[in-house]
Amino acid sequence: MPPSRPRLRSAARIALGGMLVFAGTSHLTFAREDFRAQVPPWVPIDTDDVVLASGVVEIGLGAALAALPREQRRIGAFAALFFTAIFPGNIAQYTGRRDAFGLDTDRKRALRLLGQPVLVAWAWWSTRTRTP
């Protein structure tokens, strides 16, 4: 029997939370240099500080998505806004032709741009429920 929609949404929310914790941890450790390629040059804050701060935010969002189901609608909305806010970084990586994360061609960087709306939709869909 297929999982019910609430269970599927819950699994998707927890999976997104895990992905965010992993991504945030990678900001602070092994992928720190790669994430620097996504900080637009017009951001008036030190690039490394942006990478570290966004990593901390991702860890917090991921943990909250997984651990605070009663607040999932608010956290999901915030996650969707976060994914929208960092989209200029993906655009900057594309327009600046900066290689990182194996995105070493214009085509790969362009395809990565398509993934950001998926993350926004994932955050939104997985946290919308009929119960308060």
N, C-alpha and C. Protein backbone atom coordinates (compact mmCIF):
# COMPACT_ATOMS: atom_id res chain seq x y z
N MET A 1 0.85 -1.18 0.00
CA MET A 1 0.00 0.00 0.00
C MET A 1 0.90 1.24 0.00
N PRO A 2 0.63 2.23 -0.89
CA PRO A 2 1.47 3.43 -0.95
C PRO A 2 1.30 4.26 0.32
N PRO A 3 2.34 5.02 0.66
CA PRO A 3 2.23 5.85 1.87
C PRO A 3 1.17 6.94 1.68
N SER A 4 0.55 7.32 2.77
CA SER A 4 -0.45 8.38 2.71
C SER A 4 0.24 9.72 2.42
N ARG A 5 -0.52 10.66 1.93
CA ARG A 5 0.06 11.97 1.61
C ARG A 5 0.72 12.62 2.83
N PRO A 6 0.10 12.63 4.02
CA PRO A 6 0.79 13.22 5.17
C PRO A 6 2.12 12.53 5.48
N ARG A 7 2.16 11.22 5.35
CA ARG A 7 3.42 10.50 5.60
C ARG A 7 4.46 10.85 4.54
N LEU A 8 4.03 10.97 3.30
CA LEU A 8 4.94 11.32 2.22
C LEU A 8 5.49 12.73 2.44
N ARG A 9 4.61 13.65 2.80
CA ARG A 9 5.06 15.01 3.08
C ARG A 9 6.03 15.04 4.26
N SER A 10 5.73 14.28 5.29
CA SER A 10 6.60 14.22 6.46
C SER A 10 7.97 13.65 6.10
N ALA A 11 7.98 12.60 5.32
CA ALA A 11 9.25 12.00 4.87
C ALA A 11 10.04 13.00 4.02
N ALA A 12 9.34 13.72 3.16
CA ALA A 12 10.00 14.71 2.31
C ALA A 12 10.57 15.85 3.15
N ARG A 13 9.82 16.27 4.17
CA ARG A 13 10.28 17.34 5.07
C ARG A 13 11.53 16.91 5.83
N ILE A 14 11.50 15.70 6.35
CA ILE A 14 12.66 15.20 7.11
C ILE A 14 13.86 15.00 6.19
N ALA A 15 13.63 14.52 4.97
CA ALA A 15 14.73 14.36 4.00
C ALA A 15 15.34 15.72 3.65
N LEU A 16 14.49 16.72 3.45
CA LEU A 16 15.00 18.05 3.17
C LEU A 16 15.79 18.58 4.36
N GLY A 17 15.29 18.32 5.56
CA GLY A 17 16.03 18.73 6.75
C GLY A 17 17.41 18.09 6.82
N GLY A 18 17.47 16.80 6.54
CA GLY A 18 18.77 16.11 6.53
C GLY A 18 19.70 16.66 5.47
N MET A 19 19.14 16.94 4.29
CA MET A 19 19.96 17.50 3.22
C MET A 19 20.52 18.87 3.63
N LEU A 20 19.68 19.68 4.26
CA LEU A 20 20.14 20.99 4.70
C LEU A 20 21.22 20.91 5.77
N VAL A 21 21.06 20.00 6.72
CA VAL A 21 22.10 19.83 7.74
C VAL A 21 23.41 19.40 7.09
N PHE A 22 23.33 18.47 6.14
CA PHE A 22 24.54 18.04 5.44
C PHE A 22 25.17 19.20 4.66
N ALA A 23 24.33 19.93 3.91
CA ALA A 23 24.85 21.05 3.11
C ALA A 23 25.46 22.12 4.02
N GLY A 24 24.78 22.42 5.11
CA GLY A 24 25.30 23.42 6.03
C GLY A 24 26.62 23.01 6.64
N THR A 25 26.71 21.75 7.00
CA THR A 25 27.97 21.23 7.55
C THR A 25 29.08 21.32 6.51
N SER A 26 28.74 21.05 5.25
CA SER A 26 29.76 21.12 4.20
C SER A 26 30.21 22.57 3.98
N HIS A 27 29.33 23.55 4.24
CA HIS A 27 29.73 24.96 4.16
C HIS A 27 30.88 25.23 5.14
N LEU A 28 30.78 24.60 6.29
CA LEU A 28 31.74 24.87 7.36
C LEU A 28 33.00 24.02 7.27
N THR A 29 32.99 23.02 6.41
CA THR A 29 34.11 22.08 6.39
C THR A 29 34.63 21.84 4.97
N PHE A 30 34.38 20.68 4.42
CA PHE A 30 35.04 20.21 3.21
C PHE A 30 34.67 20.94 1.92
N ALA A 31 33.52 21.59 1.84
CA ALA A 31 33.12 22.27 0.60
C ALA A 31 33.16 23.79 0.72
N ARG A 32 33.81 24.26 1.75
CA ARG A 32 33.83 25.69 2.02
C ARG A 32 34.34 26.51 0.83
N GLU A 33 35.41 26.06 0.22
CA GLU A 33 35.98 26.77 -0.92
C GLU A 33 35.02 26.78 -2.11
N ASP A 34 34.38 25.65 -2.38
CA ASP A 34 33.42 25.59 -3.49
C ASP A 34 32.26 26.56 -3.27
N PHE A 35 31.77 26.67 -2.06
CA PHE A 35 30.65 27.56 -1.80
C PHE A 35 31.04 29.03 -2.00
N ARG A 36 32.31 29.34 -1.87
CA ARG A 36 32.76 30.71 -2.12
C ARG A 36 32.46 31.14 -3.56
N ALA A 37 32.45 30.18 -4.49
CA ALA A 37 32.18 30.48 -5.90
C ALA A 37 30.76 30.96 -6.12
N GLN A 38 29.88 30.72 -5.17
CA GLN A 38 28.48 31.10 -5.33
C GLN A 38 28.14 32.44 -4.69
N VAL A 39 29.10 33.06 -4.02
CA VAL A 39 28.81 34.35 -3.41
C VAL A 39 29.00 35.43 -4.48
N PRO A 40 27.93 36.16 -4.79
CA PRO A 40 28.04 37.20 -5.82
C PRO A 40 29.07 38.26 -5.43
N PRO A 41 29.80 38.77 -6.41
CA PRO A 41 30.84 39.76 -6.10
C PRO A 41 30.29 41.07 -5.53
N TRP A 42 29.01 41.34 -5.73
CA TRP A 42 28.43 42.59 -5.23
C TRP A 42 28.00 42.52 -3.76
N VAL A 43 28.09 41.34 -3.14
CA VAL A 43 27.72 41.22 -1.72
C VAL A 43 28.77 41.95 -0.88
N PRO A 44 28.36 42.93 -0.08
CA PRO A 44 29.33 43.76 0.65
C PRO A 44 29.86 43.15 1.95
N ILE A 45 29.83 41.84 2.05
CA ILE A 45 30.30 41.13 3.24
C ILE A 45 31.40 40.17 2.79
N ASP A 46 32.36 39.94 3.65
CA ASP A 46 33.44 39.02 3.33
C ASP A 46 32.87 37.68 2.84
N THR A 47 33.39 37.19 1.73
CA THR A 47 32.89 35.96 1.11
C THR A 47 32.88 34.79 2.08
N ASP A 48 33.94 34.62 2.82
CA ASP A 48 34.00 33.49 3.75
C ASP A 48 32.96 33.64 4.85
N ASP A 49 32.73 34.86 5.30
CA ASP A 49 31.70 35.09 6.33
C ASP A 49 30.31 34.71 5.79
N VAL A 50 30.04 35.03 4.53
CA VAL A 50 28.76 34.67 3.92
C VAL A 50 28.61 33.16 3.88
N VAL A 51 29.67 32.47 3.48
CA VAL A 51 29.63 31.00 3.40
C VAL A 51 29.38 30.40 4.78
N LEU A 52 30.09 30.89 5.77
CA LEU A 52 29.93 30.36 7.13
C LEU A 52 28.53 30.65 7.67
N ALA A 53 28.06 31.88 7.49
CA ALA A 53 26.74 32.25 8.01
C ALA A 53 25.64 31.45 7.31
N SER A 54 25.74 31.29 6.00
CA SER A 54 24.70 30.52 5.31
C SER A 54 24.74 29.06 5.73
N GLY A 55 25.93 28.54 6.04
CA GLY A 55 26.03 27.18 6.54
C GLY A 55 25.33 27.01 7.88
N VAL A 56 25.52 27.97 8.76
CA VAL A 56 24.87 27.93 10.07
C VAL A 56 23.35 28.00 9.90
N VAL A 57 22.88 28.87 9.01
CA VAL A 57 21.44 28.99 8.75
C VAL A 57 20.91 27.66 8.21
N GLU A 58 21.63 27.04 7.28
CA GLU A 58 21.16 25.77 6.72
C GLU A 58 21.09 24.67 7.78
N ILE A 59 22.07 24.62 8.64
CA ILE A 59 22.04 23.61 9.72
C ILE A 59 20.83 23.86 10.61
N GLY A 60 20.60 25.12 10.98
CA GLY A 60 19.46 25.44 11.82
C GLY A 60 18.13 25.13 11.16
N LEU A 61 18.00 25.50 9.89
CA LEU A 61 16.77 25.20 9.15
C LEU A 61 16.55 23.69 9.04
N GLY A 62 17.60 22.97 8.71
CA GLY A 62 17.47 21.52 8.56
C GLY A 62 17.06 20.85 9.86
N ALA A 63 17.72 21.25 10.94
CA ALA A 63 17.38 20.67 12.24
C ALA A 63 15.95 21.02 12.63
N ALA A 64 15.54 22.25 12.38
CA ALA A 64 14.19 22.67 12.72
C ALA A 64 13.14 21.93 11.89
N LEU A 65 13.41 21.73 10.61
CA LEU A 65 12.47 20.99 9.77
C LEU A 65 12.26 19.58 10.31
N ALA A 66 13.32 18.96 10.76
CA ALA A 66 13.23 17.58 11.24
C ALA A 66 12.68 17.49 12.67
N ALA A 67 13.01 18.47 13.50
CA ALA A 67 12.72 18.32 14.93
C ALA A 67 11.50 19.10 15.42
N LEU A 68 10.98 20.01 14.62
CA LEU A 68 9.86 20.84 15.09
C LEU A 68 8.66 20.73 14.16
N PRO A 69 8.02 19.56 14.11
CA PRO A 69 6.91 19.40 13.18
C PRO A 69 5.74 20.34 13.43
N ARG A 70 5.55 20.79 14.65
CA ARG A 70 4.43 21.70 14.93
C ARG A 70 4.64 23.08 14.30
N GLU A 71 5.88 23.40 14.00
CA GLU A 71 6.22 24.69 13.38
C GLU A 71 6.56 24.53 11.90
N GLN A 72 6.23 23.38 11.33
CA GLN A 72 6.68 23.09 9.97
C GLN A 72 6.23 24.09 8.93
N ARG A 73 5.04 24.63 9.06
CA ARG A 73 4.56 25.60 8.05
C ARG A 73 5.44 26.85 8.04
N ARG A 74 5.73 27.37 9.20
CA ARG A 74 6.58 28.57 9.29
C ARG A 74 8.01 28.28 8.85
N ILE A 75 8.53 27.16 9.29
CA ILE A 75 9.91 26.80 8.93
C ILE A 75 10.00 26.51 7.44
N GLY A 76 8.99 25.85 6.90
CA GLY A 76 8.97 25.58 5.47
C GLY A 76 8.91 26.86 4.65
N ALA A 77 8.11 27.82 5.11
CA ALA A 77 8.04 29.11 4.41
C ALA A 77 9.39 29.81 4.48
N PHE A 78 10.02 29.76 5.64
CA PHE A 78 11.34 30.38 5.79
C PHE A 78 12.37 29.68 4.90
N ALA A 79 12.32 28.36 4.84
CA ALA A 79 13.24 27.62 3.98
C ALA A 79 13.03 27.99 2.52
N ALA A 80 11.77 28.09 2.09
CA ALA A 80 11.49 28.49 0.71
C ALA A 80 12.03 29.89 0.43
N LEU A 81 11.86 30.80 1.38
CA LEU A 81 12.43 32.15 1.23
C LEU A 81 13.95 32.12 1.20
N PHE A 82 14.55 31.29 2.03
CA PHE A 82 16.01 31.16 2.04
C PHE A 82 16.51 30.67 0.68
N PHE A 83 15.87 29.62 0.15
CA PHE A 83 16.28 29.11 -1.16
C PHE A 83 16.12 30.18 -2.25
N THR A 84 15.10 31.01 -2.11
CA THR A 84 14.90 32.10 -3.06
C THR A 84 15.99 33.17 -2.89
N ALA A 85 16.31 33.48 -1.64
CA ALA A 85 17.31 34.51 -1.35
C ALA A 85 18.71 34.14 -1.83
N ILE A 86 19.04 32.86 -1.81
CA ILE A 86 20.38 32.47 -2.22
C ILE A 86 20.48 32.18 -3.71
N PHE A 87 19.35 32.26 -4.42
CA PHE A 87 19.36 32.02 -5.87
C PHE A 87 20.31 32.95 -6.63
N PRO A 88 20.45 34.22 -6.24
CA PRO A 88 21.43 35.06 -6.93
C PRO A 88 22.85 34.49 -6.89
N GLY A 89 23.15 33.70 -5.87
CA GLY A 89 24.46 33.06 -5.81
C GLY A 89 24.63 32.04 -6.94
N ASN A 90 23.57 31.30 -7.22
CA ASN A 90 23.63 30.35 -8.33
C ASN A 90 23.76 31.09 -9.66
N ILE A 91 23.04 32.19 -9.77
CA ILE A 91 23.13 33.00 -10.99
C ILE A 91 24.54 33.58 -11.13
N ALA A 92 25.12 34.05 -10.02
CA ALA A 92 26.48 34.60 -10.06
C ALA A 92 27.49 33.55 -10.47
N GLN A 93 27.30 32.32 -10.01
CA GLN A 93 28.21 31.25 -10.40
C GLN A 93 28.11 31.02 -11.91
N TYR A 94 26.88 31.06 -12.43
CA TYR A 94 26.67 30.86 -13.87
C TYR A 94 27.24 32.02 -14.68
N THR A 95 26.86 33.24 -14.34
CA THR A 95 27.29 34.39 -15.13
C THR A 95 28.79 34.66 -14.99
N GLY A 96 29.33 34.35 -13.82
CA GLY A 96 30.77 34.54 -13.60
C GLY A 96 31.60 33.37 -14.12
N ARG A 97 30.91 32.34 -14.61
CA ARG A 97 31.57 31.13 -15.14
C ARG A 97 32.57 30.55 -14.13
N ARG A 98 32.11 30.46 -12.88
CA ARG A 98 32.96 29.94 -11.80
C ARG A 98 32.71 28.46 -11.60
N ASP A 99 33.78 27.69 -11.68
CA ASP A 99 33.70 26.25 -11.49
C ASP A 99 33.66 25.91 -10.00
N ALA A 100 32.75 25.05 -9.64
CA ALA A 100 32.64 24.54 -8.26
C ALA A 100 31.63 23.42 -8.27
N PHE A 101 31.81 22.46 -7.41
CA PHE A 101 30.88 21.33 -7.28
C PHE A 101 30.76 20.52 -8.56
N GLY A 102 31.78 20.52 -9.37
CA GLY A 102 31.71 19.79 -10.64
C GLY A 102 30.94 20.53 -11.71
N LEU A 103 30.50 21.72 -11.41
CA LEU A 103 29.79 22.54 -12.39
C LEU A 103 30.85 23.32 -13.17
N ASP A 104 31.44 22.65 -14.15
CA ASP A 104 32.58 23.21 -14.86
C ASP A 104 32.29 23.57 -16.32
N THR A 105 31.02 23.63 -16.67
CA THR A 105 30.62 24.09 -18.00
C THR A 105 29.40 24.99 -17.84
N ASP A 106 29.18 25.83 -18.84
CA ASP A 106 27.98 26.69 -18.80
C ASP A 106 26.72 25.85 -18.74
N ARG A 107 26.70 24.74 -19.46
CA ARG A 107 25.51 23.88 -19.47
C ARG A 107 25.22 23.32 -18.08
N LYS A 108 26.24 22.83 -17.41
CA LYS A 108 26.04 22.28 -16.06
C LYS A 108 25.59 23.37 -15.10
N ARG A 109 26.20 24.55 -15.19
CA ARG A 109 25.79 25.64 -14.30
C ARG A 109 24.36 26.09 -14.60
N ALA A 110 23.97 26.08 -15.87
CA ALA A 110 22.60 26.45 -16.25
C ALA A 110 21.61 25.42 -15.72
N LEU A 111 21.95 24.14 -15.83
CA LEU A 111 21.06 23.09 -15.31
C LEU A 111 20.90 23.21 -13.80
N ARG A 112 21.95 23.63 -13.11
CA ARG A 112 21.89 23.81 -11.66
C ARG A 112 20.86 24.88 -11.30
N LEU A 113 20.74 25.89 -12.15
CA LEU A 113 19.75 26.94 -11.90
C LEU A 113 18.34 26.37 -11.83
N LEU A 114 18.08 25.33 -12.59
CA LEU A 114 16.76 24.71 -12.58
C LEU A 114 16.45 23.99 -11.28
N GLY A 115 17.50 23.63 -10.54
CA GLY A 115 17.29 22.92 -9.28
C GLY A 115 16.78 23.80 -8.16
N GLN A 116 17.03 25.09 -8.23
CA GLN A 116 16.63 25.98 -7.13
C GLN A 116 15.11 26.07 -6.99
N PRO A 117 14.35 26.22 -8.08
CA PRO A 117 12.89 26.21 -7.92
C PRO A 117 12.38 24.88 -7.36
N VAL A 118 13.07 23.80 -7.65
CA VAL A 118 12.68 22.50 -7.09
C VAL A 118 12.83 22.53 -5.57
N LEU A 119 13.92 23.11 -5.09
CA LEU A 119 14.12 23.20 -3.64
C LEU A 119 13.06 24.08 -2.98
N VAL A 120 12.71 25.18 -3.63
CA VAL A 120 11.65 26.06 -3.10
C VAL A 120 10.34 25.28 -3.01
N ALA A 121 10.00 24.59 -4.08
CA ALA A 121 8.75 23.81 -4.10
C ALA A 121 8.78 22.69 -3.07
N TRP A 122 9.92 22.03 -2.93
CA TRP A 122 10.08 20.95 -1.95
C TRP A 122 9.83 21.48 -0.54
N ALA A 123 10.46 22.61 -0.22
CA ALA A 123 10.28 23.19 1.12
C ALA A 123 8.82 23.55 1.36
N TRP A 124 8.19 24.13 0.37
CA TRP A 124 6.81 24.55 0.51
C TRP A 124 5.87 23.34 0.62
N TRP A 125 5.95 22.43 -0.35
CA TRP A 125 5.04 21.28 -0.41
C TRP A 125 5.17 20.38 0.82
N SER A 126 6.40 20.12 1.24
CA SER A 126 6.60 19.15 2.32
C SER A 126 6.14 19.66 3.69
N THR A 127 5.86 20.95 3.79
CA THR A 127 5.48 21.52 5.08
C THR A 127 4.04 22.05 5.10
N ARG A 128 3.31 21.83 4.04
CA ARG A 128 1.90 22.25 4.00
C ARG A 128 1.03 21.08 4.43
N THR A 129 0.28 21.28 5.46
CA THR A 129 -0.64 20.25 5.94
C THR A 129 -1.99 20.88 6.22
N ARG A 130 -2.98 20.04 6.34
CA ARG A 130 -4.33 20.55 6.66
C ARG A 130 -4.51 20.74 8.16
N THR A 131 -3.68 20.08 8.93
CA THR A 131 -3.80 20.23 10.39
C THR A 131 -2.92 21.37 10.85
N PRO A 132 -3.31 22.08 11.88
CA PRO A 132 -2.52 23.22 12.35
C PRO A 132 -1.20 22.80 12.95
